[in-house]
Structure formats: C-alpha cells, structure tokens
C-alpha cells in the first residue's frame, strides 16, 4: 500500500510532504516538492523539522494542525502554505 501511495504522490503536480506528528521531522517529500526546494535525495531533508525546511522558522508554524491529529480520529483540511 505504501508503494502504491508513494507512486501516486511522486506523479502529482501538487507538493506533498509527510512529517512526524510529534517531532515535526520530515519523513517524506514528493518529487514536486523536492525539486522546488532543490533536494535530490531523502538524506538531504530527512530528520529536519518541517517548519525549518518549508518556512525557515525555528518553531512550529501558526497554521500547524498537528494538535488536531490523532491515531484514533481523522482530520480533514487543506492548508495553502505560502513559500
């Protein structure tokens, strides 16, 4: 299932990333986002904080919705992140 989702994300024109809910560390970036940010390998962004890589910040973004996420419930939303 993961390979299937990864294949879909890799071909999307939208920028997609997955970050750990607790640590904010980036786990995955799709091709579109990697290319936009100039990353060529996972090692270049792995374990870096999403707010640092995506926004240049030193703390979670004001619009971060991680507190609304849990393993037992879902959160449906869309946030347009300014780059």
Protein backbone atom coordinates (compact mmCIF):
# COMPACT_ATOMS: atom_id res chain seq x y z
CA UNK A 1 0.00 0.00 0.00
CA UNK A 2 2.84 2.40 0.85
CA UNK A 3 4.49 1.83 -2.54
CA UNK A 4 1.15 2.46 -4.25
CA UNK A 5 0.64 5.76 -2.42
CA UNK A 6 4.23 6.79 -2.98
CA UNK A 7 3.86 6.14 -6.72
CA UNK A 8 0.77 8.37 -6.80
CA UNK A 9 2.39 11.15 -4.76
CA UNK A 10 5.52 11.09 -6.93
CA UNK A 11 3.49 11.81 -10.09
CA UNK A 12 1.32 14.58 -8.63
CA UNK A 13 1.82 18.18 -9.66
CA UNK A 14 0.96 19.29 -6.12
CA UNK A 15 3.59 19.47 -3.40
CA UNK A 16 3.16 16.76 -0.75
CA UNK A 17 5.08 16.06 2.42
CA UNK A 18 4.65 13.86 5.47
CA UNK A 19 6.05 14.89 8.84
CA UNK A 20 6.10 13.07 12.16
CA UNK A 21 3.19 14.38 14.26
CA UNK A 22 5.20 14.69 17.45
CA UNK A 23 8.69 15.70 16.33
CA UNK A 24 7.75 17.66 13.17
CA UNK A 25 10.57 15.83 11.36
CA UNK A 26 10.04 15.34 7.64
CA UNK A 27 9.55 11.71 6.71
CA UNK A 28 8.69 12.10 3.03
CA UNK A 29 8.57 14.71 0.26
CA UNK A 30 7.22 14.04 -3.19
CA UNK A 31 9.14 14.82 -6.37
CA UNK A 32 7.39 18.16 -6.97
CA UNK A 33 8.32 19.50 -3.54
CA UNK A 34 11.86 18.08 -3.60
CA UNK A 35 12.53 19.71 -6.96
CA UNK A 36 11.01 23.02 -5.84
CA UNK A 37 13.28 23.10 -2.80
CA UNK A 38 16.37 21.75 -4.57
CA UNK A 39 16.61 18.40 -2.76
CA UNK A 40 17.89 15.42 -4.73
CA UNK A 41 17.89 12.72 -2.06
CA UNK A 42 16.00 11.78 1.09
CA UNK A 43 19.16 12.16 3.15
CA UNK A 44 19.20 15.90 2.43
CA UNK A 45 15.89 16.55 4.21
CA UNK A 46 15.32 13.51 6.44
CA UNK A 47 15.01 14.29 10.16
CA UNK A 48 14.86 18.03 9.57
CA UNK A 49 11.94 19.97 11.03
CA UNK A 50 9.16 20.75 8.56
CA UNK A 51 8.83 24.31 9.82
CA UNK A 52 12.56 24.89 9.26
CA UNK A 53 12.69 23.37 5.76
CA UNK A 54 9.36 24.72 4.46
CA UNK A 55 9.12 28.09 6.21
CA UNK A 56 12.60 28.85 7.54
CA UNK A 57 11.20 29.04 11.06
CA UNK A 58 12.51 27.93 14.43
CA UNK A 59 9.16 26.79 15.84
CA UNK A 60 6.03 25.09 14.53
CA UNK A 61 4.01 27.23 12.14
CA UNK A 62 0.99 29.18 13.41
CA UNK A 63 -1.19 27.21 10.98
CA UNK A 64 0.17 23.78 12.02
CA UNK A 65 -2.68 21.32 12.55
CA UNK A 66 -0.70 18.54 14.28
CA UNK A 67 -2.63 19.06 17.51
CA UNK A 68 -5.84 18.16 15.65
CA UNK A 69 -4.38 14.82 14.54
CA UNK A 70 -4.56 11.55 16.43
CA UNK A 71 -4.29 7.83 15.75
CA UNK A 72 -7.94 7.34 16.70
CA UNK A 73 -9.53 10.16 14.75
CA UNK A 74 -9.03 11.89 11.46
CA UNK A 75 -8.69 15.49 10.45
CA UNK A 76 -9.77 16.70 7.05
CA UNK A 77 -8.46 20.01 5.97
CA UNK A 78 -6.46 21.85 3.41
CA UNK A 79 -3.85 24.45 4.10
CA UNK A 80 -2.25 26.51 1.42
CA UNK A 81 1.26 27.06 2.66
CA UNK A 82 2.98 30.21 1.44
CA UNK A 83 6.50 29.58 0.09
